[in-house]
Amino acid sequence: MHLTEKDLARVDGRVTVLRAPDRPDVAAQSDPAVRETVSGMLLDIEANGLAAVRRYAEQLDGWTGGEDFTVEADEIETRTAHLPDDLKRALDTGAERTRRFAEMQRAHLTDFEDEVVPGVVCGQRYIPVGTVGAYLPAGRFPLLASAFMTIGVARAAGVGQVVSTTPPSHQGTAHPAVLYAARASGAERVHTIGGVQALAAMAFGLLDGDPADMVVGAGNAYVAEAKRQLFGRVGIDVLAGPSEVAVIADGQASPVMVAADLLAQAEHGPTSPACLVTTSLELGRAVEREIARQLEGLATRDIAGAAWRDWGSIYVVEDDEAAAQVMDLLAPEHLEILTEDPDWYLRRLTSYGSLFLGPWSTVAYADKGMSGTNHVLPTGRGARYAAGLSVTGYLKQVTYQRATREATRAQAEPVVTIADFEQMPGHRDSAQLRLDLIS
């Protein structure tokens, strides 16, 4: 997530590059070996069902739990009893706020019908998908809020069945905090399966009986590739790469705050891009010094430090308009505005996954579910043309129409004309039949 030479040429005004990666603007390229491995696994699981799933679970996850992957509601209660009360309260809060915002979104999506021309009524309905498969990652870090974004929002959309899976990441079993977050989000049971085999099991209907209509949730490169290959057979949320953060800041911003917010997202992984665009050369230099200082005391400095070293960038621009142009080119996943007038950017910007306005809003709040918005967002400049996961992602926007006899001529005569020109006699006859009936 940095500017190419062609990008720089499109920005009005001079852009000073304080630092930028010396590599192509692709943080995670598709590995042919990953594609081949995933393809073979999906074919194997489709042909051999749960037997293949168990084999991969034993080989790749060290699964030793036999044939039963399922953690039922009463077992979730037992396995989560020892969790700290403050963690439980925090997870309940995040689940409730994420669900509340999703319900607010749903309330603004209204069915309607209206008359297009006299006698022709068209309508629109929102229908939830039938079954969703939610993958809850638990690799290097147990990303607890993922359940809020996938299970909880699907429930708010009215999805009838949600199948949940998570890897055996905690002493050979599902992580208890992930189980708690899943239950707080509305999961009735969770299956302890990870990786490609989990996505395949949900897509092929090997767990709770019905094949998933959608599979959602973040994961490693193999999980992302499995979603890519399954897309079309099932729907997916987004093909997300490494987490991204960008900040627009002016001379009044705090270098300490800017640096902390950049490093918070760099902590996601060593290929996570972090970018600062500022109208102040002094601030840009101060942030670079501050990042070096904060990394010294950061427990995850091996991860965040590698991300900043390899994927960090700082650009100094002449004014707000140039900053907005740069960010619309970068189209970052998360974008913070730490300027005197953040609302100007709210009105001006067009390409971002989620926007965080002012010093009292930070990406970390959304990451952990406290602001209520969804953190499953497009990366790799995907925000130029796509939005992140939300309640709308689980709803099919469908249309319908009905017409009266009196509206036949207004529709049929133009159709006959067009079909004759296209030389499609079946379409012509379908319309002409109705014209003949009213003659």
Protein backbone atom coordinates (compact mmCIF):
# COMPACT_ATOMS: atom_id res chain seq x y z
CA MET A 1 0.00 0.00 0.00
CA HIS A 2 2.26 2.73 -1.31
CA LEU A 3 2.44 5.10 -4.24
CA THR A 4 3.88 4.04 -7.58
CA GLU A 5 5.47 6.45 -10.02
CA LYS A 6 2.19 6.51 -11.97
CA ASP A 7 0.31 7.31 -8.75
CA LEU A 8 2.63 10.20 -7.95
CA ALA A 9 2.04 11.67 -11.39
CA ARG A 10 -1.72 11.78 -10.74
CA VAL A 11 -1.48 13.88 -7.57
CA ASP A 12 -1.92 17.64 -7.90
CA GLY A 13 1.07 19.26 -6.24
CA ARG A 14 4.40 17.97 -5.01
CA VAL A 15 4.65 14.82 -2.91
CA THR A 16 7.76 14.29 -0.80
CA VAL A 17 8.53 10.67 -0.04
CA LEU A 18 10.11 10.40 3.40
CA ARG A 19 10.03 6.61 3.26
CA ALA A 20 8.39 3.95 1.10
CA PRO A 21 8.91 0.25 0.43
CA ASP A 22 11.41 -0.54 -2.31
CA ARG A 23 9.24 -3.23 -3.86
CA PRO A 24 6.05 -3.65 -5.90
CA ASP A 25 2.87 -2.48 -4.21
CA VAL A 26 1.69 -6.01 -3.46
CA ALA A 27 2.03 -7.13 0.14
CA ALA A 28 0.94 -10.72 -0.37
CA GLN A 29 1.15 -12.21 -3.82
CA SER A 30 -0.65 -15.41 -4.63
CA ASP A 31 1.81 -18.28 -4.26
CA PRO A 32 1.44 -20.99 -6.95
CA ALA A 33 2.36 -23.62 -4.37
CA VAL A 34 -0.47 -22.43 -2.12
CA ARG A 35 -2.93 -22.53 -5.02
CA GLU A 36 -1.91 -26.06 -5.94
CA THR A 37 -2.07 -27.32 -2.36
CA VAL A 38 -5.49 -25.81 -1.72
CA SER A 39 -6.88 -27.12 -4.99
CA GLY A 40 -5.79 -30.65 -4.17
CA MET A 41 -7.25 -30.46 -0.68
CA LEU A 42 -10.62 -29.18 -1.88
CA LEU A 43 -10.90 -31.93 -4.48
CA ASP A 44 -9.94 -34.56 -1.91
CA ILE A 45 -12.46 -33.31 0.68
CA GLU A 46 -15.23 -33.01 -1.89
CA ALA A 47 -14.64 -36.61 -2.95
CA ASN A 48 -13.96 -38.20 0.45
CA GLY A 49 -15.94 -36.06 2.90
CA LEU A 50 -15.29 -36.05 6.63
CA ALA A 51 -12.68 -38.80 6.36
CA ALA A 52 -10.47 -36.39 4.41
CA VAL A 53 -11.30 -33.56 6.82
CA ARG A 54 -10.16 -35.69 9.77
CA ARG A 55 -6.98 -36.69 7.97
CA TYR A 56 -6.04 -33.06 7.29
CA ALA A 57 -7.02 -32.04 10.83
CA GLU A 58 -4.63 -34.66 12.22
CA GLN A 59 -1.82 -33.80 9.81
CA LEU A 60 -2.05 -30.01 9.85
CA ASP A 61 -3.65 -29.11 13.20
CA GLY A 62 -2.41 -31.97 15.35
CA TRP A 63 -6.03 -32.91 16.04
CA THR A 64 -6.33 -35.86 18.43
CA GLY A 65 -10.01 -35.58 19.34
CA GLY A 66 -11.22 -38.44 17.16
CA GLU A 67 -14.30 -38.13 15.01
CA ASP A 68 -16.26 -35.53 16.97
CA PHE A 69 -15.23 -31.96 16.14
CA THR A 70 -18.30 -30.37 17.71
CA VAL A 71 -18.40 -28.28 20.86
CA GLU A 72 -22.04 -28.03 21.97
CA ALA A 73 -23.58 -25.21 24.00
CA ASP A 74 -23.27 -26.94 27.38
CA GLU A 75 -19.61 -27.76 26.71
CA ILE A 76 -18.93 -24.16 25.70
CA GLU A 77 -20.32 -23.15 29.10
CA THR A 78 -17.94 -25.52 30.86
CA ARG A 79 -14.87 -24.64 28.81
CA THR A 80 -15.33 -20.89 29.28
CA ALA A 81 -16.19 -20.84 32.99
CA HIS A 82 -12.61 -20.05 34.03
CA LEU A 83 -12.23 -16.98 31.79
CA PRO A 84 -11.73 -13.67 33.65
CA ASP A 85 -14.98 -11.85 34.34
CA ASP A 86 -13.69 -8.59 32.87
CA LEU A 87 -12.87 -10.38 29.60
CA LYS A 88 -16.36 -11.88 29.49
CA ARG A 89 -17.92 -8.46 30.06
CA ALA A 90 -15.73 -6.94 27.33
CA LEU A 91 -16.68 -9.68 24.85
CA ASP A 92 -20.36 -9.36 25.70
CA THR A 93 -20.07 -5.60 25.13
CA GLY A 94 -18.39 -5.99 21.75
CA ALA A 95 -20.90 -8.59 20.59
CA GLU A 96 -23.83 -6.42 21.65
CA ARG A 97 -22.52 -3.23 20.03
CA THR A 98 -21.66 -4.94 16.75
CA ARG A 99 -25.09 -6.56 16.65
CA ARG A 100 -26.77 -3.23 17.49
CA PHE A 101 -25.06 -1.40 14.62
CA ALA A 102 -25.93 -4.26 12.23
CA GLU A 103 -29.56 -4.03 13.33
CA MET A 104 -29.47 -0.27 12.71
CA GLN A 105 -28.16 -0.94 9.20
CA ARG A 106 -30.86 -3.54 8.59
CA ALA A 107 -33.58 -1.12 9.70
CA HIS A 108 -32.55 1.28 6.92
CA LEU A 109 -32.80 -1.39 4.21
CA THR A 110 -36.47 -1.33 3.33
CA ASP A 111 -38.53 -3.43 0.97
CA PHE A 112 -40.60 -1.37 -1.48
CA GLU A 113 -42.71 -1.51 -4.62
CA ASP A 114 -43.81 1.27 -6.93
CA GLU A 115 -45.31 1.87 -10.37
CA VAL A 116 -42.70 2.30 -13.11
CA VAL A 117 -45.27 3.10 -15.80
CA PRO A 118 -49.05 2.84 -15.50
CA GLY A 119 -49.93 -0.80 -14.92
CA VAL A 120 -46.32 -1.99 -14.30
CA VAL A 121 -45.34 -2.38 -10.66
CA CYS A 122 -41.79 -3.30 -9.65
CA GLY A 123 -40.56 -4.11 -6.19
CA GLN A 124 -37.50 -4.93 -4.17
CA ARG A 125 -37.02 -7.27 -1.21
CA TYR A 126 -34.10 -8.13 1.05
CA ILE A 127 -33.90 -11.86 1.76
CA PRO A 128 -31.23 -13.35 4.06
CA VAL A 129 -29.12 -16.20 2.75
CA GLY A 130 -30.02 -19.59 4.19
CA THR A 131 -26.76 -20.89 5.66
CA VAL A 132 -23.51 -19.12 6.51
CA GLY A 133 -20.21 -20.79 7.41
CA ALA A 134 -18.18 -18.59 9.76
CA TYR A 135 -14.46 -19.22 10.20
CA LEU A 136 -13.07 -17.90 13.50
CA PRO A 137 -9.28 -17.50 13.27
CA ALA A 138 -7.09 -18.36 16.24
CA GLY A 139 -3.52 -18.50 15.03
CA ARG A 140 -0.74 -16.26 16.34
CA PHE A 141 -3.41 -14.23 18.14
CA PRO A 142 -6.98 -15.33 18.96
CA LEU A 143 -8.89 -12.59 17.14
CA LEU A 144 -11.88 -12.67 19.44
CA ALA A 145 -13.96 -9.98 17.74
CA SER A 146 -14.15 -11.99 14.52
CA ALA A 147 -17.18 -13.81 15.89
CA PHE A 148 -19.01 -10.49 16.37
CA MET A 149 -18.44 -9.54 12.74
CA THR A 150 -19.39 -12.87 11.15
CA ILE A 151 -21.78 -14.79 13.42
CA GLY A 152 -23.39 -11.81 15.14
CA VAL A 153 -23.99 -9.75 12.01
CA ALA A 154 -25.35 -12.80 10.17
CA ARG A 155 -27.83 -13.28 13.00
CA ALA A 156 -28.84 -9.62 12.79
CA ALA A 157 -29.45 -10.09 9.06
CA GLY A 158 -31.86 -12.95 9.78
CA VAL A 159 -29.68 -15.83 8.53
CA GLY A 160 -31.37 -19.05 9.59
CA GLN A 161 -28.33 -21.27 10.11
CA VAL A 162 -24.76 -20.26 11.00
CA VAL A 163 -22.09 -22.99 11.07
CA SER A 164 -18.95 -22.00 13.00
CA THR A 165 -15.43 -23.44 12.91
CA THR A 166 -12.19 -22.55 14.68
CA PRO A 167 -8.78 -24.26 14.76
CA PRO A 168 -7.63 -26.32 17.78
CA SER A 169 -5.22 -23.59 18.86
CA HIS A 170 -5.34 -23.98 22.64
CA GLN A 171 -3.79 -27.17 24.00
CA GLY A 172 -5.26 -29.13 21.12
CA THR A 173 -8.77 -27.76 21.57
CA ALA A 174 -10.74 -24.67 20.59
CA HIS A 175 -9.59 -21.52 22.35
CA PRO A 176 -12.00 -20.89 25.24
CA ALA A 177 -12.16 -17.13 24.61
CA VAL A 178 -13.03 -17.76 20.95
CA LEU A 179 -15.78 -20.11 22.12
CA TYR A 180 -17.13 -17.46 24.50
CA ALA A 181 -17.10 -14.79 21.77
CA ALA A 182 -18.90 -17.18 19.42
CA ARG A 183 -21.60 -17.92 21.97
CA ALA A 184 -21.99 -14.22 22.80
CA SER A 185 -22.53 -13.63 19.08
CA GLY A 186 -25.28 -16.23 18.80
CA ALA A 187 -23.46 -19.49 17.96
CA GLU A 188 -25.17 -22.61 19.26
CA ARG A 189 -22.18 -24.87 18.63
CA VAL A 190 -18.64 -24.57 17.27
CA HIS A 191 -16.65 -27.15 15.30
CA THR A 192 -12.95 -27.47 16.12
CA ILE A 193 -11.51 -27.51 12.61
CA GLY A 194 -9.01 -25.12 11.07
CA GLY A 195 -7.69 -24.03 7.72
CA VAL A 196 -8.71 -25.22 4.28
CA GLN A 197 -10.44 -28.28 5.69
CA ALA A 198 -12.76 -26.06 7.74
CA LEU A 199 -13.78 -23.94 4.76
CA ALA A 200 -14.33 -27.04 2.65
CA ALA A 201 -16.35 -28.82 5.35
CA MET A 202 -18.70 -25.84 5.63
CA ALA A 203 -18.98 -25.29 1.88
CA PHE A 204 -19.70 -28.96 1.17
CA GLY A 205 -22.19 -29.40 4.02
CA LEU A 206 -20.14 -31.94 6.00
CA LEU A 207 -20.84 -30.54 9.47
CA ASP A 208 -24.43 -29.52 10.16
CA GLY A 209 -25.97 -31.09 7.08
CA ASP A 210 -26.60 -28.16 4.73
CA PRO A 211 -23.89 -26.77 2.42
CA ALA A 212 -23.13 -23.15 3.25
CA ASP A 213 -24.44 -20.47 0.91
CA MET A 214 -21.58 -18.23 2.09
CA VAL A 215 -18.27 -18.74 3.89
CA VAL A 216 -16.84 -15.78 5.77
CA GLY A 217 -14.00 -14.94 8.11
CA ALA A 218 -10.31 -14.07 8.05
CA GLY A 219 -7.42 -16.50 7.97
CA ASN A 220 -3.95 -17.19 6.62
CA ALA A 221 -2.93 -17.43 2.96
CA TYR A 222 -4.36 -20.95 2.66
CA VAL A 223 -7.73 -19.88 4.06
CA ALA A 224 -7.83 -16.89 1.70
CA GLU A 225 -6.97 -19.12 -1.25
CA ALA A 226 -9.64 -21.64 -0.26
CA LYS A 227 -12.22 -18.85 -0.26
CA ARG A 228 -11.02 -17.69 -3.66
CA GLN A 229 -11.34 -21.17 -5.15
CA LEU A 230 -14.71 -21.83 -3.52
CA PHE A 231 -16.15 -18.51 -4.71
CA GLY A 232 -18.91 -19.14 -7.22
CA ARG A 233 -19.90 -22.38 -5.57
CA VAL A 234 -20.50 -20.30 -2.44
CA GLY A 235 -20.49 -16.60 -1.71
CA ILE A 236 -17.68 -15.05 0.33
CA ASP A 237 -17.16 -11.84 2.27
CA VAL A 238 -13.91 -10.35 0.92
CA LEU A 239 -10.59 -11.66 -0.34
CA ALA A 240 -8.60 -9.87 2.31
CA GLY A 241 -4.84 -9.68 2.44
CA PRO A 242 -2.70 -8.40 5.32
CA SER A 243 -4.32 -5.76 7.53
CA GLU A 244 -3.66 -2.17 6.43
CA VAL A 245 -3.74 1.19 8.17
CA ALA A 246 -3.29 4.71 6.87
CA VAL A 247 -3.35 8.04 8.69
CA ILE A 248 -3.85 11.57 7.39
CA ALA A 249 -2.41 14.03 9.89
CA ASP A 250 -1.62 17.73 9.96
CA GLY A 251 0.88 19.69 12.01
CA GLN A 252 -1.41 19.76 15.06
CA ALA A 253 -1.52 15.98 15.40
CA SER A 254 0.38 14.19 18.15
CA PRO A 255 3.38 12.23 16.82
CA VAL A 256 3.00 9.86 19.76
CA MET A 257 -0.62 9.10 18.84
CA VAL A 258 0.10 8.73 15.11
CA ALA A 259 2.98 6.36 15.78
CA ALA A 260 0.96 4.28 18.24
CA ASP A 261 -1.94 3.91 15.82
CA LEU A 262 0.32 2.89 12.95
CA LEU A 263 2.12 0.30 15.08
CA ALA A 264 -1.16 -1.09 16.44
CA GLN A 265 -2.07 -2.30 12.96
CA ALA A 266 1.48 -3.27 11.99
CA GLU A 267 1.21 -5.67 14.92
CA HIS A 268 -1.20 -7.82 12.87
CA GLY A 269 1.63 -9.32 10.86
CA PRO A 270 5.05 -8.69 9.29
CA THR A 271 3.49 -7.87 5.90
CA SER A 272 0.90 -5.39 7.20
CA PRO A 273 1.32 -2.01 5.46
CA ALA A 274 1.16 1.22 7.48
CA CYS A 275 1.12 4.62 5.80
CA LEU A 276 1.19 8.24 6.98
CA VAL A 277 0.22 11.12 4.71
CA THR A 278 0.83 14.51 6.27
CA THR A 279 0.84 18.16 5.33
CA SER A 280 3.68 18.75 7.81
CA LEU A 281 7.27 17.71 7.08
CA GLU A 282 8.09 18.28 10.75
CA LEU A 283 5.34 15.89 11.86
CA GLY A 284 6.44 13.25 9.34
CA ARG A 285 9.98 13.26 10.68
CA ALA A 286 8.76 13.28 14.28
CA VAL A 287 6.51 10.26 13.65
CA GLU A 288 9.41 8.32 12.15
CA ARG A 289 11.51 9.00 15.27
CA GLU A 290 8.59 8.15 17.54
CA ILE A 291 7.93 4.82 15.84
CA ALA A 292 11.56 3.83 16.42
CA ARG A 293 11.23 4.82 20.09
CA GLN A 294 7.95 2.96 20.65
CA LEU A 295 9.20 -0.18 18.94
CA GLU A 296 11.94 -0.51 21.55
CA GLY A 297 9.35 -1.19 24.26
CA LEU A 298 6.75 -3.05 22.21
CA ALA A 299 6.41 -6.74 23.05
CA THR A 300 5.39 -7.48 19.45
CA ARG A 301 8.26 -5.44 17.97
CA ASP A 302 9.53 -8.40 15.95
CA ILE A 303 6.22 -8.40 14.06
CA ALA A 304 5.38 -4.70 14.01
CA GLY A 305 9.00 -3.71 13.42
CA ALA A 306 9.28 -5.97 10.37
CA ALA A 307 6.00 -4.60 9.00
CA TRP A 308 7.15 -1.01 9.42
CA ARG A 309 10.62 -1.72 8.06
CA ASP A 310 9.36 -3.48 4.93
CA TRP A 311 5.93 -1.93 4.36
CA GLY A 312 5.87 1.40 6.18
CA SER A 313 5.59 4.67 4.24
CA ILE A 314 5.42 8.40 4.94
CA TYR A 315 4.40 11.00 2.37
CA VAL A 316 4.43 14.78 2.80
CA VAL A 317 1.95 16.67 0.64
CA GLU A 318 1.25 20.35 0.02
CA ASP A 319 -2.36 20.57 1.20
CA ASP A 320 -5.53 18.72 2.21
CA GLU A 321 -6.64 18.17 -1.37
CA ALA A 322 -3.37 16.44 -2.25
CA ALA A 323 -3.69 14.29 0.88
CA ALA A 324 -7.20 13.26 -0.18
CA GLN A 325 -5.99 12.44 -3.70
CA VAL A 326 -3.21 10.24 -2.30
CA MET A 327 -5.61 8.36 -0.03
CA ASP A 328 -8.17 7.80 -2.76
CA LEU A 329 -5.37 6.23 -4.81
CA LEU A 330 -4.21 4.04 -1.93
CA ALA A 331 -7.79 3.09 -0.94
CA PRO A 332 -6.70 1.75 2.47
CA GLU A 333 -8.55 -0.77 4.57
CA HIS A 334 -8.53 1.46 7.69
CA LEU A 335 -8.07 5.23 7.49
CA GLU A 336 -7.66 7.60 10.45
CA ILE A 337 -8.06 11.37 10.10
CA LEU A 338 -6.07 13.31 12.70
CA THR A 339 -6.50 16.84 11.41
CA GLU A 340 -8.06 20.13 12.48
CA ASP A 341 -11.12 19.56 10.27
CA PRO A 342 -11.75 15.80 9.92
CA ASP A 343 -15.26 16.35 8.57
CA TRP A 344 -13.78 17.95 5.44
CA TYR A 345 -12.23 14.57 4.68
CA LEU A 346 -15.50 12.77 5.43
CA ARG A 347 -17.13 14.84 2.69
CA ARG A 348 -14.19 14.58 0.27
CA LEU A 349 -12.82 11.03 0.46
CA THR A 350 -14.31 8.26 -1.65
CA SER A 351 -12.13 5.13 -1.26
CA TYR A 352 -11.56 3.48 2.10
CA GLY A 353 -12.77 0.44 3.99
CA SER A 354 -13.65 2.23 7.22
CA LEU A 355 -12.98 5.81 8.32
CA PHE A 356 -11.97 6.97 11.80
CA LEU A 357 -12.50 10.67 12.40
CA GLY A 358 -10.60 12.67 15.00
CA PRO A 359 -8.19 11.81 17.83
CA TRP A 360 -10.85 10.08 19.95
CA SER A 361 -11.51 7.40 17.33
CA THR A 362 -8.95 4.70 16.58
CA VAL A 363 -8.84 1.53 14.49
CA ALA A 364 -8.20 -0.51 17.63
CA TYR A 365 -11.74 0.25 18.85
CA ALA A 366 -13.27 -1.25 15.71
CA ASP A 367 -10.82 -4.15 15.66
CA LYS A 368 -12.12 -5.29 19.03
CA GLY A 369 -15.79 -4.60 18.28
CA MET A 370 -16.25 -1.63 20.58
CA SER A 371 -17.42 0.91 17.98
CA GLY A 372 -19.92 -1.48 16.39
CA THR A 373 -18.73 -1.26 12.79
CA ASN A 374 -17.49 -4.36 10.98
CA HIS A 375 -13.75 -4.96 10.69
CA VAL A 376 -13.93 -7.37 7.74
CA LEU A 377 -12.84 -4.90 5.06
CA PRO A 378 -11.28 -4.84 1.58
CA THR A 379 -7.49 -4.63 1.31
CA GLY A 380 -5.05 -4.26 -1.57
CA ARG A 381 -6.85 -1.16 -2.91
CA GLY A 382 -10.09 -3.11 -3.08
CA ALA A 383 -11.89 -0.21 -1.41
CA ARG A 384 -11.85 1.55 -4.79
CA TYR A 385 -14.76 -0.67 -5.88
CA ALA A 386 -15.98 -2.71 -2.91
CA ALA A 387 -17.21 -2.30 0.63
CA GLY A 388 -16.51 -4.43 3.65
CA LEU A 389 -18.72 -7.03 5.27
CA SER A 390 -21.93 -5.73 6.80
CA VAL A 391 -25.50 -6.84 7.31
CA THR A 392 -26.05 -6.24 3.58
CA GLY A 393 -23.50 -8.92 2.80
CA TYR A 394 -25.86 -11.57 4.17
CA LEU A 395 -28.91 -10.22 2.34
CA LYS A 396 -29.92 -10.87 -1.25
CA GLN A 397 -31.43 -7.78 -2.83
CA VAL A 398 -34.02 -9.28 -5.15
CA THR A 399 -36.57 -7.70 -7.45
CA TYR A 400 -40.02 -8.63 -8.69
CA GLN A 401 -42.61 -7.20 -11.07
CA ARG A 402 -46.26 -7.52 -11.97
CA ALA A 403 -48.15 -5.99 -14.88
CA THR A 404 -51.75 -5.46 -15.89
CA ARG A 405 -53.34 -6.27 -19.24
CA GLU A 406 -53.59 -2.54 -19.89
CA ALA A 407 -49.77 -2.17 -19.65
CA THR A 408 -49.08 -4.80 -22.32
CA ARG A 409 -48.70 -2.48 -25.30
CA ALA A 410 -46.26 -0.17 -23.45
CA GLN A 411 -43.91 -3.08 -22.82
CA ALA A 412 -44.51 -5.55 -25.63
CA GLU A 413 -44.24 -3.27 -28.65
CA PRO A 414 -40.71 -2.00 -27.81
CA VAL A 415 -39.64 -5.57 -27.02
CA VAL A 416 -40.82 -6.77 -30.43
CA THR A 417 -38.83 -3.99 -32.08
CA ILE A 418 -35.64 -4.74 -30.14
CA ALA A 419 -35.92 -8.53 -30.54
CA ASP A 420 -36.47 -8.21 -34.30
CA PHE A 421 -33.31 -6.12 -34.60
CA GLU A 422 -31.34 -8.59 -32.47
CA GLN A 423 -32.76 -11.53 -34.47
CA MET A 424 -34.05 -13.24 -31.34
CA PRO A 425 -37.43 -14.63 -32.46
CA GLY A 426 -38.17 -16.38 -29.16
CA HIS A 427 -38.19 -13.06 -27.33
CA ARG A 428 -40.25 -11.48 -30.11
CA ASP A 429 -42.85 -14.27 -29.99
CA SER A 430 -43.12 -14.10 -26.20
CA ALA A 431 -44.04 -10.42 -26.41
CA GLN A 432 -46.10 -10.66 -29.62
CA LEU A 433 -48.28 -13.41 -28.04
CA ARG A 434 -49.46 -10.96 -25.46
CA LEU A 435 -50.06 -8.23 -28.03
CA ASP A 436 -52.21 -10.66 -30.01
CA LEU A 437 -54.25 -11.50 -26.92
CA ILE A 438 -55.25 -7.86 -26.40
CA SER A 439 -55.95 -7.14 -30.09
